[in-house]
Amino acid sequence: MKLATRIRLKRAGARHQPHFRVVVVNQRKSRDGRAIEEIGYYNPRTDPATIEINEERALYWLGVGAQPSETVRSLLTKAGIMKSFQEAQATQ
């Protein structure tokens, strides 16, 4: 059985002070459920927003078929990871 994996955000932080972890998780788990792997974090409260993602692990998970959520896709695009992934796909 193939596991349906997604790359999405997991909320952390106190009330009214959110920051998020970028995680790889089974699609059926709840938003803050147990993750397979944590690959980065995102803090929208800083100016500019802090985006820290392990590019090597993100490319691995995208390569094995993990689907990013819309928000994570935009974060990966801002970090330049989606461009690297598309270039790697084009050379195969």
N, C-alpha and C. Protein backbone atom coordinates (compact mmCIF):
# COMPACT_ATOMS: atom_id res chain seq x y z
N MET A 1 0.84 -1.19 0.00
CA MET A 1 0.00 0.00 0.00
C MET A 1 0.88 1.25 0.00
N LYS A 2 0.59 2.15 -0.92
CA LYS A 2 1.36 3.38 -1.01
C LYS A 2 0.78 4.42 -0.06
N LEU A 3 1.66 5.09 0.66
CA LEU A 3 1.26 6.09 1.63
C LEU A 3 1.06 7.43 0.92
N ALA A 4 -0.10 8.05 1.09
CA ALA A 4 -0.37 9.37 0.49
C ALA A 4 0.25 10.43 1.39
N THR A 5 1.37 11.01 0.96
CA THR A 5 2.07 11.98 1.80
C THR A 5 1.89 13.39 1.26
N ARG A 6 1.88 14.34 2.20
CA ARG A 6 1.78 15.75 1.86
C ARG A 6 2.85 16.50 2.62
N ILE A 7 3.29 17.58 2.03
CA ILE A 7 4.17 18.51 2.72
C ILE A 7 3.28 19.68 3.10
N ARG A 8 3.13 19.92 4.40
CA ARG A 8 2.21 20.97 4.83
C ARG A 8 2.71 21.62 6.11
N LEU A 9 1.95 22.58 6.60
CA LEU A 9 2.33 23.32 7.80
C LEU A 9 1.70 22.70 9.03
N LYS A 10 2.46 22.73 10.13
CA LYS A 10 1.98 22.28 11.43
C LYS A 10 2.12 23.48 12.36
N ARG A 11 1.03 23.89 13.00
CA ARG A 11 1.04 25.10 13.80
C ARG A 11 1.75 24.88 15.13
N ALA A 12 2.51 25.87 15.53
CA ALA A 12 3.16 25.88 16.83
C ALA A 12 3.06 27.30 17.38
N GLY A 13 3.46 27.51 18.61
CA GLY A 13 3.43 28.85 19.19
C GLY A 13 2.21 29.08 20.05
N ALA A 14 2.26 30.14 20.82
CA ALA A 14 1.19 30.48 21.73
C ALA A 14 0.01 31.11 20.98
N ARG A 15 -1.07 31.32 21.70
CA ARG A 15 -2.24 31.95 21.11
C ARG A 15 -1.88 33.36 20.62
N HIS A 16 -2.30 33.67 19.42
CA HIS A 16 -2.04 34.95 18.74
C HIS A 16 -0.57 35.15 18.40
N GLN A 17 0.26 34.13 18.55
CA GLN A 17 1.67 34.22 18.19
C GLN A 17 2.09 32.96 17.42
N PRO A 18 1.45 32.71 16.27
CA PRO A 18 1.73 31.46 15.57
C PRO A 18 3.07 31.47 14.83
N HIS A 19 3.68 30.33 14.79
CA HIS A 19 4.73 30.04 13.83
C HIS A 19 4.49 28.60 13.41
N PHE A 20 5.07 28.22 12.30
CA PHE A 20 4.71 26.94 11.71
C PHE A 20 5.95 26.11 11.41
N ARG A 21 5.78 24.79 11.49
CA ARG A 21 6.81 23.86 11.06
C ARG A 21 6.38 23.30 9.71
N VAL A 22 7.31 23.15 8.81
CA VAL A 22 7.03 22.53 7.51
C VAL A 22 7.32 21.04 7.69
N VAL A 23 6.28 20.21 7.54
CA VAL A 23 6.41 18.79 7.85
C VAL A 23 5.89 17.92 6.70
N VAL A 24 6.40 16.70 6.67
CA VAL A 24 5.90 15.68 5.74
C VAL A 24 5.02 14.78 6.60
N VAL A 25 3.77 14.58 6.17
CA VAL A 25 2.80 13.87 7.00
C VAL A 25 1.87 13.04 6.12
N ASN A 26 1.35 11.97 6.69
CA ASN A 26 0.33 11.18 6.01
C ASN A 26 -0.87 12.09 5.78
N GLN A 27 -1.43 12.04 4.61
CA GLN A 27 -2.53 12.94 4.23
C GLN A 27 -3.72 12.85 5.16
N ARG A 28 -3.94 11.71 5.78
CA ARG A 28 -5.12 11.51 6.62
C ARG A 28 -4.94 11.97 8.05
N LYS A 29 -3.75 12.35 8.46
CA LYS A 29 -3.51 12.81 9.84
C LYS A 29 -4.06 14.21 10.02
N SER A 30 -4.34 14.56 11.29
CA SER A 30 -4.84 15.89 11.59
C SER A 30 -3.74 16.93 11.40
N ARG A 31 -4.10 18.19 11.42
CA ARG A 31 -3.16 19.28 11.15
C ARG A 31 -1.94 19.21 12.06
N ASP A 32 -2.15 18.97 13.35
CA ASP A 32 -1.05 18.94 14.30
C ASP A 32 -0.71 17.52 14.73
N GLY A 33 -1.10 16.53 13.92
CA GLY A 33 -0.81 15.14 14.23
C GLY A 33 0.66 14.80 14.04
N ARG A 34 1.00 13.55 14.31
CA ARG A 34 2.38 13.11 14.23
C ARG A 34 2.89 13.16 12.79
N ALA A 35 4.05 13.76 12.62
CA ALA A 35 4.64 13.94 11.30
C ALA A 35 5.66 12.84 11.02
N ILE A 36 5.87 12.55 9.74
CA ILE A 36 6.91 11.61 9.33
C ILE A 36 8.28 12.27 9.51
N GLU A 37 8.38 13.53 9.06
CA GLU A 37 9.65 14.25 9.16
C GLU A 37 9.38 15.75 9.16
N GLU A 38 10.16 16.48 9.94
CA GLU A 38 10.10 17.93 9.94
C GLU A 38 11.24 18.44 9.06
N ILE A 39 10.90 19.23 8.04
CA ILE A 39 11.94 19.67 7.11
C ILE A 39 12.21 21.17 7.15
N GLY A 40 11.52 21.91 8.01
CA GLY A 40 11.79 23.34 8.09
C GLY A 40 10.79 24.06 8.97
N TYR A 41 10.87 25.39 8.95
CA TYR A 41 9.92 26.20 9.70
C TYR A 41 9.63 27.50 8.96
N TYR A 42 8.53 28.13 9.38
CA TYR A 42 8.06 29.36 8.76
C TYR A 42 7.49 30.24 9.86
N ASN A 43 7.98 31.48 9.95
CA ASN A 43 7.48 32.42 10.94
C ASN A 43 6.98 33.67 10.21
N PRO A 44 5.66 33.80 10.08
CA PRO A 44 5.11 34.96 9.36
C PRO A 44 5.13 36.25 10.17
N ARG A 45 5.45 36.17 11.46
CA ARG A 45 5.37 37.35 12.32
C ARG A 45 6.62 38.22 12.27
N THR A 46 7.71 37.74 11.69
CA THR A 46 8.90 38.57 11.57
C THR A 46 8.77 39.43 10.32
N ASP A 47 9.59 40.47 10.23
CA ASP A 47 9.55 41.34 9.06
C ASP A 47 10.93 41.38 8.44
N PRO A 48 11.20 40.76 7.31
CA PRO A 48 10.29 39.93 6.50
C PRO A 48 10.10 38.55 7.14
N ALA A 49 9.11 37.82 6.65
CA ALA A 49 8.80 36.50 7.19
C ALA A 49 10.01 35.58 7.07
N THR A 50 10.23 34.75 8.10
CA THR A 50 11.35 33.82 8.11
C THR A 50 10.92 32.49 7.49
N ILE A 51 11.65 32.07 6.47
CA ILE A 51 11.40 30.78 5.83
C ILE A 51 12.70 30.00 5.84
N GLU A 52 12.73 28.87 6.51
CA GLU A 52 13.92 28.03 6.61
C GLU A 52 13.52 26.61 6.27
N ILE A 53 13.96 26.11 5.11
CA ILE A 53 13.58 24.77 4.67
C ILE A 53 14.84 24.03 4.23
N ASN A 54 14.97 22.77 4.67
CA ASN A 54 16.09 21.92 4.27
C ASN A 54 15.85 21.51 2.82
N GLU A 55 16.60 22.11 1.91
CA GLU A 55 16.37 21.91 0.47
C GLU A 55 16.57 20.45 0.06
N GLU A 56 17.59 19.82 0.60
CA GLU A 56 17.89 18.43 0.23
C GLU A 56 16.72 17.50 0.57
N ARG A 57 16.18 17.64 1.77
CA ARG A 57 15.06 16.78 2.19
C ARG A 57 13.78 17.13 1.44
N ALA A 58 13.55 18.41 1.18
CA ALA A 58 12.36 18.82 0.43
C ALA A 58 12.40 18.24 -0.99
N LEU A 59 13.56 18.30 -1.63
CA LEU A 59 13.69 17.74 -2.98
C LEU A 59 13.50 16.23 -2.96
N TYR A 60 14.00 15.57 -1.91
CA TYR A 60 13.80 14.12 -1.79
C TYR A 60 12.32 13.79 -1.73
N TRP A 61 11.58 14.46 -0.83
CA TRP A 61 10.17 14.15 -0.66
C TRP A 61 9.35 14.50 -1.90
N LEU A 62 9.68 15.59 -2.56
CA LEU A 62 9.00 15.92 -3.82
C LEU A 62 9.29 14.85 -4.87
N GLY A 63 10.52 14.36 -4.86
CA GLY A 63 10.92 13.34 -5.82
C GLY A 63 10.22 12.01 -5.65
N VAL A 64 9.85 11.67 -4.41
CA VAL A 64 9.16 10.39 -4.18
C VAL A 64 7.65 10.55 -4.21
N GLY A 65 7.17 11.76 -4.56
CA GLY A 65 5.74 11.93 -4.80
C GLY A 65 4.94 12.66 -3.75
N ALA A 66 5.57 13.23 -2.74
CA ALA A 66 4.82 14.00 -1.74
C ALA A 66 4.27 15.27 -2.39
N GLN A 67 3.00 15.57 -2.12
CA GLN A 67 2.36 16.74 -2.71
C GLN A 67 2.36 17.89 -1.71
N PRO A 68 2.89 19.07 -2.07
CA PRO A 68 2.86 20.20 -1.16
C PRO A 68 1.48 20.86 -1.14
N SER A 69 1.10 21.39 0.02
CA SER A 69 -0.14 22.16 0.09
C SER A 69 0.09 23.47 -0.67
N GLU A 70 -0.97 24.22 -0.90
CA GLU A 70 -0.84 25.47 -1.66
C GLU A 70 0.11 26.44 -0.96
N THR A 71 -0.03 26.56 0.36
CA THR A 71 0.82 27.48 1.12
C THR A 71 2.27 27.05 1.08
N VAL A 72 2.51 25.76 1.27
CA VAL A 72 3.89 25.26 1.24
C VAL A 72 4.47 25.38 -0.16
N ARG A 73 3.66 25.18 -1.18
CA ARG A 73 4.14 25.35 -2.56
C ARG A 73 4.64 26.78 -2.75
N SER A 74 3.91 27.77 -2.24
CA SER A 74 4.35 29.17 -2.39
C SER A 74 5.63 29.43 -1.58
N LEU A 75 5.75 28.80 -0.41
CA LEU A 75 6.98 28.95 0.39
C LEU A 75 8.17 28.32 -0.32
N LEU A 76 7.95 27.15 -0.91
CA LEU A 76 9.02 26.48 -1.66
C LEU A 76 9.43 27.30 -2.87
N THR A 77 8.47 27.95 -3.51
CA THR A 77 8.77 28.80 -4.66
C THR A 77 9.61 30.00 -4.21
N LYS A 78 9.23 30.63 -3.09
CA LYS A 78 10.00 31.78 -2.58
C LYS A 78 11.41 31.38 -2.19
N ALA A 79 11.57 30.15 -1.69
CA ALA A 79 12.90 29.67 -1.28
C ALA A 79 13.71 29.16 -2.47
N GLY A 80 13.11 29.06 -3.66
CA GLY A 80 13.81 28.61 -4.85
C GLY A 80 13.89 27.10 -4.99
N ILE A 81 13.20 26.36 -4.14
CA ILE A 81 13.27 24.90 -4.16
C ILE A 81 12.43 24.33 -5.29
N MET A 82 11.28 24.91 -5.58
CA MET A 82 10.44 24.41 -6.67
C MET A 82 11.15 24.54 -8.01
N LYS A 83 11.91 25.61 -8.20
CA LYS A 83 12.66 25.80 -9.44
C LYS A 83 13.71 24.70 -9.58
N SER A 84 14.41 24.40 -8.49
CA SER A 84 15.41 23.32 -8.51
C SER A 84 14.76 21.99 -8.83
N PHE A 85 13.58 21.74 -8.25
CA PHE A 85 12.88 20.49 -8.47
C PHE A 85 12.45 20.36 -9.94
N GLN A 86 11.91 21.43 -10.50
CA GLN A 86 11.47 21.40 -11.89
C GLN A 86 12.64 21.21 -12.85
N GLU A 87 13.77 21.82 -12.54
CA GLU A 87 14.96 21.64 -13.37
C GLU A 87 15.45 20.20 -13.30
N ALA A 88 15.41 19.61 -12.10
CA ALA A 88 15.83 18.22 -11.93
C ALA A 88 14.90 17.28 -12.69
N GLN A 89 13.59 17.57 -12.70
CA GLN A 89 12.62 16.75 -13.42
C GLN A 89 12.84 16.86 -14.92
N ALA A 90 13.22 18.05 -15.40
CA ALA A 90 13.41 18.25 -16.83
C ALA A 90 14.63 17.51 -17.36
N THR A 91 15.65 17.31 -16.51
CA THR A 91 16.86 16.61 -16.95
C THR A 91 16.71 15.10 -16.93
N GLN A 92 15.67 14.59 -16.31
CA GLN A 92 15.49 13.13 -16.24
C GLN A 92 14.88 12.58 -17.48
